Amino acid sequence: MTKGWNGVLFVSSGPYEAAMFKFKVIFPLAYPTGSPQVYFMPQQVFHPYVKIETGKLDTMNLGVDPADAKLLLFKIYQIFNDIAFLRPPSPDSCFNTDAAKTYAQDPGAFFQRVKESATGFNTQ
């Protein structure tokens, strides 16, 4: 049986400012040797590290030790508050390549989609 946490992130700065994101952290039976999985609910978060179809966060590319749940939660906060996390090393390796490429090619369009994504979350 897997265990999990439910959480809510209130973003206070950066491109997602004033957004509220609900998420669930699911710990595998093999935890702490297996990585937790993070899902946003509902899943339409426009971010390079979030798979738009499922809401799954790419925890493998965040540089977090799977045993360090506190650091994982901090990284979740950080990817929505720190604009540096919008520039992944390789857009093609992101869960949401559309978000990564839009940010690289047309930041204005990216920020408009972020605003729509964040607004949609606040009304759910």
PDB file of N, CA and C in Angstrom:
ATOM      1  N   MET A   1       0.844  -1.179   0.000  1.00  0.00           N
ATOM      2  CA  MET A   1       0.000   0.000   0.000  1.00  0.00           C
ATOM      3  C   MET A   1       0.894   1.250   0.000  1.00  0.00           C
ATOM      4  N   THR A   2       0.628   2.169  -0.897  1.00  0.00           N
ATOM      5  CA  THR A   2       1.403   3.394  -0.946  1.00  0.00           C
ATOM      6  C   THR A   2       0.808   4.411   0.015  1.00  0.00           C
ATOM      7  N   LYS A   3       1.653   5.307   0.446  1.00  0.00           N
ATOM      8  CA  LYS A   3       1.212   6.386   1.328  1.00  0.00           C
ATOM      9  C   LYS A   3       1.432   7.704   0.601  1.00  0.00           C
ATOM     10  N   GLY A   4       0.707   8.711   1.012  1.00  0.00           N
ATOM     11  CA  GLY A   4       0.864   9.986   0.345  1.00  0.00           C
ATOM     12  C   GLY A   4       0.498  11.163   1.218  1.00  0.00           C
ATOM     13  N   TRP A   5       0.881  12.323   0.737  1.00  0.00           N
ATOM     14  CA  TRP A   5       0.555  13.593   1.372  1.00  0.00           C
ATOM     15  C   TRP A   5      -0.239  14.413   0.370  1.00  0.00           C
ATOM     16  N   ASN A   6      -1.166  15.180   0.861  1.00  0.00           N
ATOM     17  CA  ASN A   6      -1.835  16.192   0.042  1.00  0.00           C
ATOM     18  C   ASN A   6      -1.294  17.540   0.466  1.00  0.00           C
ATOM     19  N   GLY A   7      -1.124  18.425  -0.499  1.00  0.00           N
ATOM     20  CA  GLY A   7      -0.592  19.738  -0.169  1.00  0.00           C
ATOM     21  C   GLY A   7      -1.204  20.832  -1.021  1.00  0.00           C
ATOM     22  N   VAL A   8      -1.005  22.034  -0.553  1.00  0.00           N
ATOM     23  CA  VAL A   8      -1.426  23.227  -1.291  1.00  0.00           C
ATOM     24  C   VAL A   8      -0.261  24.200  -1.258  1.00  0.00           C
ATOM     25  N   LEU A   9       0.070  24.721  -2.416  1.00  0.00           N
ATOM     26  CA  LEU A   9       1.153  25.689  -2.529  1.00  0.00           C
ATOM     27  C   LEU A   9       0.558  27.034  -2.923  1.00  0.00           C
ATOM     28  N   PHE A  10       0.810  28.039  -2.117  1.00  0.00           N
ATOM     29  CA  PHE A  10       0.405  29.409  -2.425  1.00  0.00           C
ATOM     30  C   PHE A  10       1.648  30.138  -2.906  1.00  0.00           C
ATOM     31  N   VAL A  11       1.652  30.531  -4.163  1.00  0.00           N
ATOM     32  CA  VAL A  11       2.833  31.153  -4.763  1.00  0.00           C
ATOM     33  C   VAL A  11       2.786  32.651  -4.515  1.00  0.00           C
ATOM     34  N   SER A  12       3.885  33.170  -3.941  1.00  0.00           N
ATOM     35  CA  SER A  12       3.895  34.579  -3.548  1.00  0.00           C
ATOM     36  C   SER A  12       4.716  35.483  -4.462  1.00  0.00           C
ATOM     37  N   SER A  13       5.477  34.897  -5.375  1.00  0.00           N
ATOM     38  CA  SER A  13       6.285  35.729  -6.271  1.00  0.00           C
ATOM     39  C   SER A  13       6.587  34.956  -7.550  1.00  0.00           C
ATOM     40  N   GLY A  14       7.199  35.647  -8.495  1.00  0.00           N
ATOM     41  CA  GLY A  14       7.581  35.010  -9.747  1.00  0.00           C
ATOM     42  C   GLY A  14       6.433  34.943 -10.735  1.00  0.00           C
ATOM     43  N   PRO A  15       6.631  34.218 -11.819  1.00  0.00           N
ATOM     44  CA  PRO A  15       5.619  34.190 -12.888  1.00  0.00           C
ATOM     45  C   PRO A  15       4.292  33.549 -12.472  1.00  0.00           C
ATOM     46  N   TYR A  16       4.287  32.749 -11.432  1.00  0.00           N
ATOM     47  CA  TYR A  16       3.063  32.090 -10.958  1.00  0.00           C
ATOM     48  C   TYR A  16       2.457  32.807  -9.744  1.00  0.00           C
ATOM     49  N   GLU A  17       2.912  34.041  -9.502  1.00  0.00           N
ATOM     50  CA  GLU A  17       2.464  34.807  -8.337  1.00  0.00           C
ATOM     51  C   GLU A  17       0.944  34.813  -8.214  1.00  0.00           C
ATOM     52  N   ALA A  18       0.472  34.624  -6.998  1.00  0.00           N
ATOM     53  CA  ALA A  18      -0.942  34.606  -6.617  1.00  0.00           C
ATOM     54  C   ALA A  18      -1.658  33.314  -7.014  1.00  0.00           C
ATOM     55  N   ALA A  19      -0.925  32.347  -7.543  1.00  0.00           N
ATOM     56  CA  ALA A  19      -1.546  31.062  -7.881  1.00  0.00           C
ATOM     57  C   ALA A  19      -1.635  30.179  -6.645  1.00  0.00           C
ATOM     58  N   MET A  20      -2.566  29.252  -6.709  1.00  0.00           N
ATOM     59  CA  MET A  20      -2.710  28.251  -5.661  1.00  0.00           C
ATOM     60  C   MET A  20      -2.706  26.893  -6.360  1.00  0.00           C
ATOM     61  N   PHE A  21      -1.764  26.043  -6.001  1.00  0.00           N
ATOM     62  CA  PHE A  21      -1.647  24.739  -6.629  1.00  0.00           C
ATOM     63  C   PHE A  21      -1.894  23.633  -5.614  1.00  0.00           C
ATOM     64  N   LYS A  22      -2.841  22.755  -5.905  1.00  0.00           N
ATOM     65  CA  LYS A  22      -3.075  21.575  -5.085  1.00  0.00           C
ATOM     66  C   LYS A  22      -2.225  20.447  -5.667  1.00  0.00           C
ATOM     67  N   PHE A  23      -1.613  19.662  -4.779  1.00  0.00           N
ATOM     68  CA  PHE A  23      -0.791  18.555  -5.264  1.00  0.00           C
ATOM     69  C   PHE A  23      -0.839  17.392  -4.288  1.00  0.00           C
ATOM     70  N   LYS A  24      -0.404  16.240  -4.783  1.00  0.00           N
ATOM     71  CA  LYS A  24      -0.336  15.036  -3.961  1.00  0.00           C
ATOM     72  C   LYS A  24       1.047  14.432  -4.145  1.00  0.00           C
ATOM     73  N   VAL A  25       1.681  14.063  -3.042  1.00  0.00           N
ATOM     74  CA  VAL A  25       2.969  13.367  -3.061  1.00  0.00           C
ATOM     75  C   VAL A  25       2.675  11.916  -2.710  1.00  0.00           C
ATOM     76  N   ILE A  26       3.055  11.006  -3.596  1.00  0.00           N
ATOM     77  CA  ILE A  26       2.826   9.579  -3.382  1.00  0.00           C
ATOM     78  C   ILE A  26       4.173   8.902  -3.147  1.00  0.00           C
ATOM     79  N   PHE A  27       4.277   8.242  -2.020  1.00  0.00           N
ATOM     80  CA  PHE A  27       5.510   7.536  -1.658  1.00  0.00           C
ATOM     81  C   PHE A  27       5.378   6.067  -2.043  1.00  0.00           C
ATOM     82  N   PRO A  28       6.336   5.537  -2.798  1.00  0.00           N
ATOM     83  CA  PRO A  28       6.261   4.127  -3.184  1.00  0.00           C
ATOM     84  C   PRO A  28       6.554   3.212  -1.999  1.00  0.00           C
ATOM     85  N   LEU A  29       6.193   1.953  -2.126  1.00  0.00           N
ATOM     86  CA  LEU A  29       6.467   0.989  -1.061  1.00  0.00           C
ATOM     87  C   LEU A  29       7.959   0.916  -0.758  1.00  0.00           C
ATOM     88  N   ALA A  30       8.792   1.123  -1.773  1.00  0.00           N
ATOM     89  CA  ALA A  30      10.241   1.035  -1.607  1.00  0.00           C
ATOM     90  C   ALA A  30      10.867   2.295  -1.020  1.00  0.00           C
ATOM     91  N   TYR A  31      10.056   3.299  -0.668  1.00  0.00           N
ATOM     92  CA  TYR A  31      10.607   4.538  -0.124  1.00  0.00           C
ATOM     93  C   TYR A  31      11.367   4.224   1.163  1.00  0.00           C
ATOM     94  N   PRO A  32      12.571   4.739   1.380  1.00  0.00           N
ATOM     95  CA  PRO A  32      13.173   5.901   0.734  1.00  0.00           C
ATOM     96  C   PRO A  32      14.089   5.589  -0.444  1.00  0.00           C
ATOM     97  N   THR A  33      14.205   4.326  -0.855  1.00  0.00           N
ATOM     98  CA  THR A  33      15.076   4.058  -2.002  1.00  0.00           C
ATOM     99  C   THR A  33      14.376   4.379  -3.317  1.00  0.00           C
ATOM    100  N   GLY A  34      13.055   4.388  -3.336  1.00  0.00           N
ATOM    101  CA  GLY A  34      12.314   4.774  -4.525  1.00  0.00           C
ATOM    102  C   GLY A  34      11.865   6.218  -4.415  1.00  0.00           C
ATOM    103  N   SER A  35      11.816   6.890  -5.545  1.00  0.00           N
ATOM    104  CA  SER A  35      11.447   8.313  -5.541  1.00  0.00           C
ATOM    105  C   SER A  35       9.950   8.524  -5.367  1.00  0.00           C
ATOM    106  N   PRO A  36       9.572   9.518  -4.565  1.00  0.00           N
ATOM    107  CA  PRO A  36       8.153   9.875  -4.482  1.00  0.00           C
ATOM    108  C   PRO A  36       7.692  10.457  -5.815  1.00  0.00           C
ATOM    109  N   GLN A  37       6.410  10.356  -6.085  1.00  0.00           N
ATOM    110  CA  GLN A  37       5.832  10.966  -7.273  1.00  0.00           C
ATOM    111  C   GLN A  37       4.925  12.100  -6.827  1.00  0.00           C
ATOM    112  N   VAL A  38       4.932  13.171  -7.612  1.00  0.00           N
ATOM    113  CA  VAL A  38       4.136  14.354  -7.285  1.00  0.00           C
ATOM    114  C   VAL A  38       3.180  14.616  -8.441  1.00  0.00           C
ATOM    115  N   TYR A  39       1.910  14.794  -8.102  1.00  0.00           N
ATOM    116  CA  TYR A  39       0.879  15.087  -9.095  1.00  0.00           C
ATOM    117  C   TYR A  39       0.119  16.345  -8.687  1.00  0.00           C
ATOM    118  N   PHE A  40      -0.091  17.230  -9.662  1.00  0.00           N
ATOM    119  CA  PHE A  40      -0.900  18.423  -9.427  1.00  0.00           C
ATOM    120  C   PHE A  40      -2.341  18.121  -9.810  1.00  0.00           C
ATOM    121  N   MET A  41      -3.284  18.689  -9.054  1.00  0.00           N
ATOM    122  CA  MET A  41      -4.711  18.419  -9.254  1.00  0.00           C
ATOM    123  C   MET A  41      -5.467  19.743  -9.310  1.00  0.00           C
ATOM    124  N   PRO A  42      -6.213  20.078 -10.308  1.00  0.00           N
ATOM    125  CA  PRO A  42      -6.222  19.401 -11.598  1.00  0.00           C
ATOM    126  C   PRO A  42      -4.891  19.584 -12.294  1.00  0.00           C
ATOM    127  N   GLN A  43      -4.678  18.881 -13.357  1.00  0.00           N
ATOM    128  CA  GLN A  43      -3.331  18.759 -13.906  1.00  0.00           C
ATOM    129  C   GLN A  43      -2.894  19.824 -14.904  1.00  0.00           C
ATOM    130  N   GLN A  44      -3.693  20.764 -15.271  1.00  0.00           N
ATOM    131  CA  GLN A  44      -3.322  21.711 -16.319  1.00  0.00           C
ATOM    132  C   GLN A  44      -2.349  22.800 -15.853  1.00  0.00           C
ATOM    133  N   VAL A  45      -1.199  22.413 -15.356  1.00  0.00           N
ATOM    134  CA  VAL A  45      -0.167  23.354 -14.935  1.00  0.00           C
ATOM    135  C   VAL A  45       0.793  23.539 -16.107  1.00  0.00           C
ATOM    136  N   PHE A  46       0.961  24.765 -16.564  1.00  0.00           N
ATOM    137  CA  PHE A  46       1.863  25.027 -17.688  1.00  0.00           C
ATOM    138  C   PHE A  46       3.246  25.345 -17.140  1.00  0.00           C
ATOM    139  N   HIS A  47       4.074  24.321 -17.063  1.00  0.00           N
ATOM    140  CA  HIS A  47       5.431  24.436 -16.536  1.00  0.00           C
ATOM    141  C   HIS A  47       6.295  23.364 -17.208  1.00  0.00           C
ATOM    142  N   PRO A  48       7.568  23.687 -17.533  1.00  0.00           N
ATOM    143  CA  PRO A  48       8.418  22.688 -18.197  1.00  0.00           C
ATOM    144  C   PRO A  48       8.556  21.364 -17.441  1.00  0.00           C
ATOM    145  N   TYR A  49       8.456  21.376 -16.134  1.00  0.00           N
ATOM    146  CA  TYR A  49       8.652  20.156 -15.351  1.00  0.00           C
ATOM    147  C   TYR A  49       7.357  19.436 -14.984  1.00  0.00           C
ATOM    148  N   VAL A  50       6.223  19.866 -15.534  1.00  0.00           N
ATOM    149  CA  VAL A  50       4.947  19.223 -15.219  1.00  0.00           C
ATOM    150  C   VAL A  50       4.309  18.699 -16.505  1.00  0.00           C
ATOM    151  N   LYS A  51       4.016  17.390 -16.512  1.00  0.00           N
ATOM    152  CA  LYS A  51       3.364  16.769 -17.670  1.00  0.00           C
ATOM    153  C   LYS A  51       1.907  17.223 -17.701  1.00  0.00           C
ATOM    154  N   ILE A  52       1.545  17.939 -18.746  1.00  0.00           N
ATOM    155  CA  ILE A  52       0.230  18.570 -18.827  1.00  0.00           C
ATOM    156  C   ILE A  52      -0.908  17.549 -18.817  1.00  0.00           C
ATOM    157  N   GLU A  53      -0.691  16.371 -19.407  1.00  0.00           N
ATOM    158  CA  GLU A  53      -1.754  15.369 -19.502  1.00  0.00           C
ATOM    159  C   GLU A  53      -2.086  14.706 -18.166  1.00  0.00           C
ATOM    160  N   THR A  54      -1.097  14.588 -17.296  1.00  0.00           N
ATOM    161  CA  THR A  54      -1.295  13.854 -16.044  1.00  0.00           C
ATOM    162  C   THR A  54      -1.092  14.706 -14.790  1.00  0.00           C
ATOM    163  N   GLY A  55      -0.440  15.848 -14.932  1.00  0.00           N
ATOM    164  CA  GLY A  55      -0.115  16.679 -13.771  1.00  0.00           C
ATOM    165  C   GLY A  55       1.110  16.192 -13.020  1.00  0.00           C
ATOM    166  N   LYS A  56       1.818  15.191 -13.560  1.00  0.00           N
ATOM    167  CA  LYS A  56       2.979  14.620 -12.871  1.00  0.00           C
ATOM    168  C   LYS A  56       4.184  15.554 -12.963  1.00  0.00           C
ATOM    169  N   LEU A  57       4.826  15.766 -11.822  1.00  0.00           N
ATOM    170  CA  LEU A  57       6.038  16.576 -11.747  1.00  0.00           C
ATOM    171  C   LEU A  57       7.246  15.694 -12.037  1.00  0.00           C
ATOM    172  N   ASP A  58       8.170  16.199 -12.820  1.00  0.00           N
ATOM    173  CA  ASP A  58       9.404  15.477 -13.139  1.00  0.00           C
ATOM    174  C   ASP A  58      10.365  15.597 -11.963  1.00  0.00           C
ATOM    175  N   THR A  59      10.227  14.715 -10.990  1.00  0.00           N
ATOM    176  CA  THR A  59      11.074  14.775  -9.795  1.00  0.00           C
ATOM    177  C   THR A  59      12.484  14.275 -10.058  1.00  0.00           C
ATOM    178  N   MET A  60      12.685  13.485 -11.101  1.00  0.00           N
ATOM    179  CA  MET A  60      14.006  12.909 -11.366  1.00  0.00           C
ATOM    180  C   MET A  60      15.020  13.971 -11.801  1.00  0.00           C
ATOM    181  N   ASN A  61      14.571  15.024 -12.459  1.00  0.00           N
ATOM    182  CA  ASN A  61      15.485  16.049 -12.955  1.00  0.00           C
ATOM    183  C   ASN A  61      15.613  17.252 -12.042  1.00  0.00           C
ATOM    184  N   LEU A  62      15.122  17.152 -10.811  1.00  0.00           N
ATOM    185  CA  LEU A  62      15.213  18.270  -9.877  1.00  0.00           C
ATOM    186  C   LEU A  62      16.450  18.195  -8.989  1.00  0.00           C
ATOM    187  N   GLY A  63      17.217  17.125  -9.100  1.00  0.00           N
ATOM    188  CA  GLY A  63      18.429  17.002  -8.300  1.00  0.00           C
ATOM    189  C   GLY A  63      18.148  16.782  -6.825  1.00  0.00           C
ATOM    190  N   VAL A  64      17.125  16.003  -6.519  1.00  0.00           N
ATOM    191  CA  VAL A  64      16.731  15.763  -5.142  1.00  0.00           C
ATOM    192  C   VAL A  64      16.967  14.299  -4.791  1.00  0.00           C
ATOM    193  N   ASP A  65      17.583  14.057  -3.652  1.00  0.00           N
ATOM    194  CA  ASP A  65      17.735  12.706  -3.137  1.00  0.00           C
ATOM    195  C   ASP A  65      16.344  12.178  -2.799  1.00  0.00           C
ATOM    196  N   PRO A  66      15.952  10.999  -3.319  1.00  0.00           N
ATOM    197  CA  PRO A  66      14.608  10.483  -3.067  1.00  0.00           C
ATOM    198  C   PRO A  66      14.265  10.341  -1.583  1.00  0.00           C
ATOM    199  N   ALA A  67      15.261  10.194  -0.734  1.00  0.00           N
ATOM    200  CA  ALA A  67      15.007  10.025   0.698  1.00  0.00           C
ATOM    201  C   ALA A  67      14.730  11.356   1.398  1.00  0.00           C
ATOM    202  N   ASP A  68      14.947  12.465   0.715  1.00  0.00           N
ATOM    203  CA  ASP A  68      14.818  13.776   1.340  1.00  0.00           C
ATOM    204  C   ASP A  68      13.491  14.435   0.955  1.00  0.00           C
ATOM    205  N   ALA A  69      12.421  14.039   1.618  1.00  0.00           N
ATOM    206  CA  ALA A  69      11.085  14.563   1.300  1.00  0.00           C
ATOM    207  C   ALA A  69      10.991  16.064   1.560  1.00  0.00           C
ATOM    208  N   LYS A  70      11.680  16.557   2.591  1.00  0.00           N
ATOM    209  CA  LYS A  70      11.635  17.999   2.886  1.00  0.00           C
ATOM    210  C   LYS A  70      12.240  18.805   1.746  1.00  0.00           C
ATOM    211  N   LEU A  71      13.360  18.331   1.199  1.00  0.00           N
ATOM    212  CA  LEU A  71      13.980  19.034   0.076  1.00  0.00           C
ATOM    213  C   LEU A  71      13.074  18.971  -1.157  1.00  0.00           C
ATOM    214  N   LEU A  72      12.410  17.847  -1.362  1.00  0.00           N
ATOM    215  CA  LEU A  72      11.480  17.743  -2.479  1.00  0.00           C
ATOM    216  C   LEU A  72      10.379  18.796  -2.358  1.00  0.00           C
ATOM    217  N   LEU A  73       9.820  18.947  -1.178  1.00  0.00           N
ATOM    218  CA  LEU A  73       8.779  19.956  -0.987  1.00  0.00           C
ATOM    219  C   LEU A  73       9.313  21.365  -1.218  1.00  0.00           C
ATOM    220  N   PHE A  74      10.548  21.621  -0.795  1.00  0.00           N
ATOM    221  CA  PHE A  74      11.154  22.920  -1.050  1.00  0.00           C
ATOM    222  C   PHE A  74      11.326  23.140  -2.554  1.00  0.00           C
ATOM    223  N   LYS A  75      11.748  22.104  -3.273  1.00  0.00           N
ATOM    224  CA  LYS A  75      11.931  22.226  -4.727  1.00  0.00           C
ATOM    225  C   LYS A  75      10.603  22.505  -5.424  1.00  0.00           C
ATOM    226  N   ILE A  76       9.513  21.898  -4.930  1.00  0.00           N
ATOM    227  CA  ILE A  76       8.200  22.179  -5.504  1.00  0.00           C
ATOM    228  C   ILE A  76       7.901  23.671  -5.361  1.00  0.00           C
ATOM    229  N   TYR A  77       8.152  24.212  -4.182  1.00  0.00           N
ATOM    230  CA  TYR A  77       7.971  25.646  -3.958  1.00  0.00           C
ATOM    231  C   TYR A  77       8.873  26.443  -4.903  1.00  0.00           C
ATOM    232  N   GLN A  78      10.122  26.018  -5.003  1.00  0.00           N
ATOM    233  CA  GLN A  78      11.121  26.765  -5.762  1.00  0.00           C
ATOM    234  C   GLN A  78      10.816  26.814  -7.265  1.00  0.00           C
ATOM    235  N   ILE A  79      10.301  25.727  -7.839  1.00  0.00           N
ATOM    236  CA  ILE A  79      10.082  25.739  -9.289  1.00  0.00           C
ATOM    237  C   ILE A  79       8.980  26.711  -9.706  1.00  0.00           C
ATOM    238  N   PHE A  80       8.126  27.103  -8.779  1.00  0.00           N
ATOM    239  CA  PHE A  80       7.082  28.069  -9.124  1.00  0.00           C
ATOM    240  C   PHE A  80       7.431  29.492  -8.704  1.00  0.00           C
ATOM    241  N   ASN A  81       8.425  29.678  -7.871  1.00  0.00           N
ATOM    242  CA  ASN A  81       8.822  31.008  -7.415  1.00  0.00           C
ATOM    243  C   ASN A  81      10.094  31.521  -8.063  1.00  0.00           C
ATOM    244  N   ASP A  82      10.918  30.636  -8.572  1.00  0.00           N
ATOM    245  CA  ASP A  82      12.222  31.020  -9.107  1.00  0.00           C
ATOM    246  C   ASP A  82      12.215  30.854 -10.618  1.00  0.00           C
ATOM    247  N   ILE A  83      12.367  31.949 -11.336  1.00  0.00           N
ATOM    248  CA  ILE A  83      12.305  31.911 -12.791  1.00  0.00           C
ATOM    249  C   ILE A  83      13.431  31.060 -13.392  1.00  0.00           C
ATOM    250  N   ALA A  84      14.504  30.834 -12.650  1.00  0.00           N
ATOM    251  CA  ALA A  84      15.603  30.004 -13.156  1.00  0.00           C
ATOM    252  C   ALA A  84      15.122  28.590 -13.491  1.00  0.00           C
ATOM    253  N   PHE A  85      14.094  28.113 -12.817  1.00  0.00           N
ATOM    254  CA  PHE A  85      13.598  26.766 -13.088  1.00  0.00           C
ATOM    255  C   PHE A  85      12.783  26.681 -14.372  1.00  0.00           C
ATOM    256  N   LEU A  86      12.559  27.800 -15.029  1.00  0.00           N
ATOM    257  CA  LEU A  86      11.872  27.780 -16.316  1.00  0.00           C
ATOM    258  C   LEU A  86      12.848  27.542 -17.450  1.00  0.00           C
ATOM    259  N   ARG A  87      14.133  27.574 -17.159  1.00  0.00           N
ATOM    260  CA  ARG A  87      15.161  27.376 -18.180  1.00  0.00           C
ATOM    261  C   ARG A  87      15.873  26.054 -17.946  1.00  0.00           C
ATOM    262  N   PRO A  88      15.254  24.954 -18.318  1.00  0.00           N
ATOM    263  CA  PRO A  88      15.912  23.664 -18.123  1.00  0.00           C
ATOM    264  C   PRO A  88      17.106  23.531 -19.053  1.00  0.00           C
ATOM    265  N   PRO A  89      18.078  22.689 -18.702  1.00  0.00           N
ATOM    266  CA  PRO A  89      19.261  22.521 -19.541  1.00  0.00           C
ATOM    267  C   PRO A  89      18.917  22.067 -20.951  1.00  0.00           C
ATOM    268  N   SER A  90      17.915  21.218 -21.094  1.00  0.00           N
ATOM    269  CA  SER A  90      17.512  20.729 -22.408  1.00  0.00           C
ATOM    270  C   SER A  90      15.991  20.681 -22.488  1.00  0.00           C
ATOM    271  N   PRO A  91      15.396  21.585 -23.262  1.00  0.00           N
ATOM    272  CA  PRO A  91      13.934  21.583 -23.355  1.00  0.00           C
ATOM    273  C   PRO A  91      13.356  20.245 -23.803  1.00  0.00           C
ATOM    274  N   ASP A  92      14.095  19.522 -24.640  1.00  0.00           N
ATOM    275  CA  ASP A  92      13.596  18.236 -25.131  1.00  0.00           C
ATOM    276  C   ASP A  92      13.542  17.169 -24.052  1.00  0.00           C
ATOM    277  N   SER A  93      14.226  17.378 -22.928  1.00  0.00           N
ATOM    278  CA  SER A  93      14.215  16.382 -21.861  1.00  0.00           C
ATOM    279  C   SER A  93      13.141  16.666 -20.816  1.00  0.00           C
ATOM    280  N   CYS A  94      12.383  17.724 -21.001  1.00  0.00           N
ATOM    281  CA  CYS A  94      11.355  18.108 -20.031  1.00  0.00           C
ATOM    282  C   CYS A  94      10.081  17.301 -20.230  1.00  0.00           C
ATOM    283  N   PHE A  95       9.294  17.184 -19.168  1.00  0.00           N
ATOM    284  CA  PHE A  95       7.976  16.559 -19.266  1.00  0.00           C
ATOM    285  C   PHE A  95       7.078  17.358 -20.198  1.00  0.00           C
ATOM    286  N   ASN A  96       7.199  18.684 -20.169  1.00  0.00           N
ATOM    287  CA  ASN A  96       6.363  19.548 -20.998  1.00  0.00           C
ATOM    288  C   ASN A  96       7.274  20.331 -21.941  1.00  0.00           C
ATOM    289  N   THR A  97       7.616  19.703 -23.069  1.00  0.00           N
ATOM    290  CA  THR A  97       8.525  20.348 -24.023  1.00  0.00           C
ATOM    291  C   THR A  97       7.896  21.604 -24.615  1.00  0.00           C
ATOM    292  N   ASP A  98       6.573  21.626 -24.751  1.00  0.00           N
ATOM    293  CA  ASP A  98       5.895  22.815 -25.271  1.00  0.00           C
ATOM    294  C   ASP A  98       6.146  24.017 -24.367  1.00  0.00           C
ATOM    295  N   ALA A  99       6.028  23.825 -23.054  1.00  0.00           N
ATOM    296  CA  ALA A  99       6.278  24.923 -22.117  1.00  0.00           C
ATOM    297  C   ALA A  99       7.722  25.384 -22.186  1.00  0.00           C
ATOM    298  N   ALA A 100       8.655  24.432 -22.221  1.00  0.00           N
ATOM    299  CA  ALA A 100      10.080  24.790 -22.265  1.00  0.00           C
ATOM    300  C   ALA A 100      10.432  25.544 -23.542  1.00  0.00           C
ATOM    301  N   LYS A 101       9.927  25.069 -24.661  1.00  0.00           N
ATOM    302  CA  LYS A 101      10.237  25.720 -25.946  1.00  0.00           C
ATOM    303  C   LYS A 101       9.534  27.071 -26.067  1.00  0.00           C
ATOM    304  N   THR A 102       8.306  27.175 -25.561  1.00  0.00           N
ATOM    305  CA  THR A 102       7.597  28.454 -25.602  1.00  0.00           C
ATOM    306  C   THR A 102       8.359  29.491 -24.777  1.00  0.00           C
ATOM    307  N   TYR A 103       8.834  29.086 -23.600  1.00  0.00           N
ATOM    308  CA  TYR A 103       9.601  30.020 -22.772  1.00  0.00           C
ATOM    309  C   TYR A 103      10.857  30.487 -23.502  1.00  0.00           C
ATOM    310  N   ALA A 104      11.555  29.554 -24.158  1.00  0.00           N
ATOM    311  CA  ALA A 104      12.798  29.897 -24.851  1.00  0.00           C
ATOM    312  C   ALA A 104      12.554  30.777 -26.074  1.00  0.00           C
ATOM    313  N   GLN A 105      11.460  30.538 -26.807  1.00  0.00           N
ATOM    314  CA  GLN A 105      11.230  31.223 -28.075  1.00  0.00           C
ATOM    315  C   GLN A 105      10.333  32.458 -27.973  1.00  0.00           C
ATOM    316  N   ASP A 106       9.391  32.442 -27.040  1.00  0.00           N
ATOM    317  CA  ASP A 106       8.442  33.553 -26.930  1.00  0.00           C
ATOM    318  C   ASP A 106       8.001  33.710 -25.474  1.00  0.00           C
ATOM    319  N   PRO A 107       8.852  34.334 -24.643  1.00  0.00           N
ATOM    320  CA  PRO A 107       8.521  34.469 -23.224  1.00  0.00           C
ATOM    321  C   PRO A 107       7.174  35.133 -22.964  1.00  0.00           C
ATOM    322  N   GLY A 108       6.778  36.089 -23.780  1.00  0.00           N
ATOM    323  CA  GLY A 108       5.485  36.746 -23.595  1.00  0.00           C
ATOM    324  C   GLY A 108       4.330  35.764 -23.699  1.00  0.00           C
ATOM    325  N   ALA A 109       4.375  34.901 -24.713  1.00  0.00           N
ATOM    326  CA  ALA A 109       3.335  33.883 -24.880  1.00  0.00           C
ATOM    327  C   ALA A 109       3.385  32.887 -23.729  1.00  0.00           C
ATOM    328  N   PHE A 110       4.585  32.563 -23.272  1.00  0.00           N
ATOM    329  CA  PHE A 110       4.732  31.645 -22.147  1.00  0.00           C
ATOM    330  C   PHE A 110       4.042  32.219 -20.905  1.00  0.00           C
ATOM    331  N   PHE A 111       4.347  33.473 -20.578  1.00  0.00           N
ATOM    332  CA  PHE A 111       3.780  34.081 -19.375  1.00  0.00           C
ATOM    333  C   PHE A 111       2.260  34.228 -19.463  1.00  0.00           C
ATOM    334  N   GLN A 112       1.728  34.425 -20.667  1.00  0.00           N
ATOM    335  CA  GLN A 112       0.281  34.474 -20.837  1.00  0.00           C
ATOM    336  C   GLN A 112      -0.333  33.113 -20.514  1.00  0.00           C
ATOM    337  N   ARG A 113       0.300  32.041 -20.998  1.00  0.00           N
ATOM    338  CA  ARG A 113      -0.215  30.688 -20.713  1.00  0.00           C
ATOM    339  C   ARG A 113      -0.062  30.343 -19.236  1.00  0.00           C
ATOM    340  N   VAL A 114       1.017  30.816 -18.612  1.00  0.00           N
ATOM    341  CA  VAL A 114       1.201  30.613 -17.166  1.00  0.00           C
ATOM    342  C   VAL A 114       0.056  31.281 -16.417  1.00  0.00           C
ATOM    343  N   LYS A 115      -0.247  32.512 -16.809  1.00  0.00           N
ATOM    344  CA  LYS A 115      -1.317  33.261 -16.149  1.00  0.00           C
ATOM    345  C   LYS A 115      -2.654  32.525 -16.278  1.00  0.00           C
ATOM    346  N   GLU A 116      -2.936  32.017 -17.478  1.00  0.00           N
ATOM    347  CA  GLU A 116      -4.178  31.259 -17.694  1.00  0.00           C
ATOM    348  C   GLU A 116      -4.187  29.988 -16.852  1.00  0.00           C
ATOM    349  N   SER A 117      -3.058  29.310 -16.785  1.00  0.00           N
ATOM    350  CA  SER A 117      -2.937  28.080 -15.995  1.00  0.00           C
ATOM    351  C   SER A 117      -3.166  28.371 -14.517  1.00  0.00           C
ATOM    352  N   ALA A 118      -2.511  29.394 -14.007  1.00  0.00           N
ATOM    353  CA  ALA A 118      -2.622  29.737 -12.590  1.00  0.00           C
ATOM    354  C   ALA A 118      -4.024  30.209 -12.243  1.00  0.00           C
ATOM    355  N   THR A 119      -4.644  30.981 -13.125  1.00  0.00           N
ATOM    356  CA  THR A 119      -6.006  31.456 -12.889  1.00  0.00           C
ATOM    357  C   THR A 119      -6.968  30.297 -12.849  1.00  0.00           C
ATOM    358  N   GLY A 120      -6.787  29.343 -13.767  1.00  0.00           N
ATOM    359  CA  GLY A 120      -7.655  28.166 -13.784  1.00  0.00           C
ATOM    360  C   GLY A 120      -7.586  27.394 -12.498  1.00  0.00           C
ATOM    361  N   PHE A 121      -6.409  27.325 -11.907  1.00  0.00           N
ATOM    362  CA  PHE A 121      -6.261  26.609 -10.646  1.00  0.00           C
ATOM    363  C   PHE A 121      -6.971  27.315  -9.510  1.00  0.00           C
ATOM    364  N   ASN A 122      -6.891  28.622  -9.498  1.00  0.00           N
ATOM    365  CA  ASN A 122      -7.510  29.362  -8.400  1.00  0.00           C
ATOM    366  C   ASN A 122      -9.023  29.263  -8.396  1.00  0.00           C
ATOM    367  N   THR A 123      -9.621  28.990  -9.535  1.00  0.00           N
ATOM    368  CA  THR A 123     -11.082  28.940  -9.606  1.00  0.00           C
ATOM    369  C   THR A 123     -11.616  27.543  -9.384  1.00  0.00           C
ATOM    370  N   GLN A 124     -10.757  26.555  -9.252  1.00  0.00           N
ATOM    371  CA  GLN A 124     -11.212  25.161  -9.097  1.00  0.00           C
ATOM    372  C   GLN A 124     -11.596  24.879  -7.667  1.00  0.00           C
TER     373      GLN A 124
END
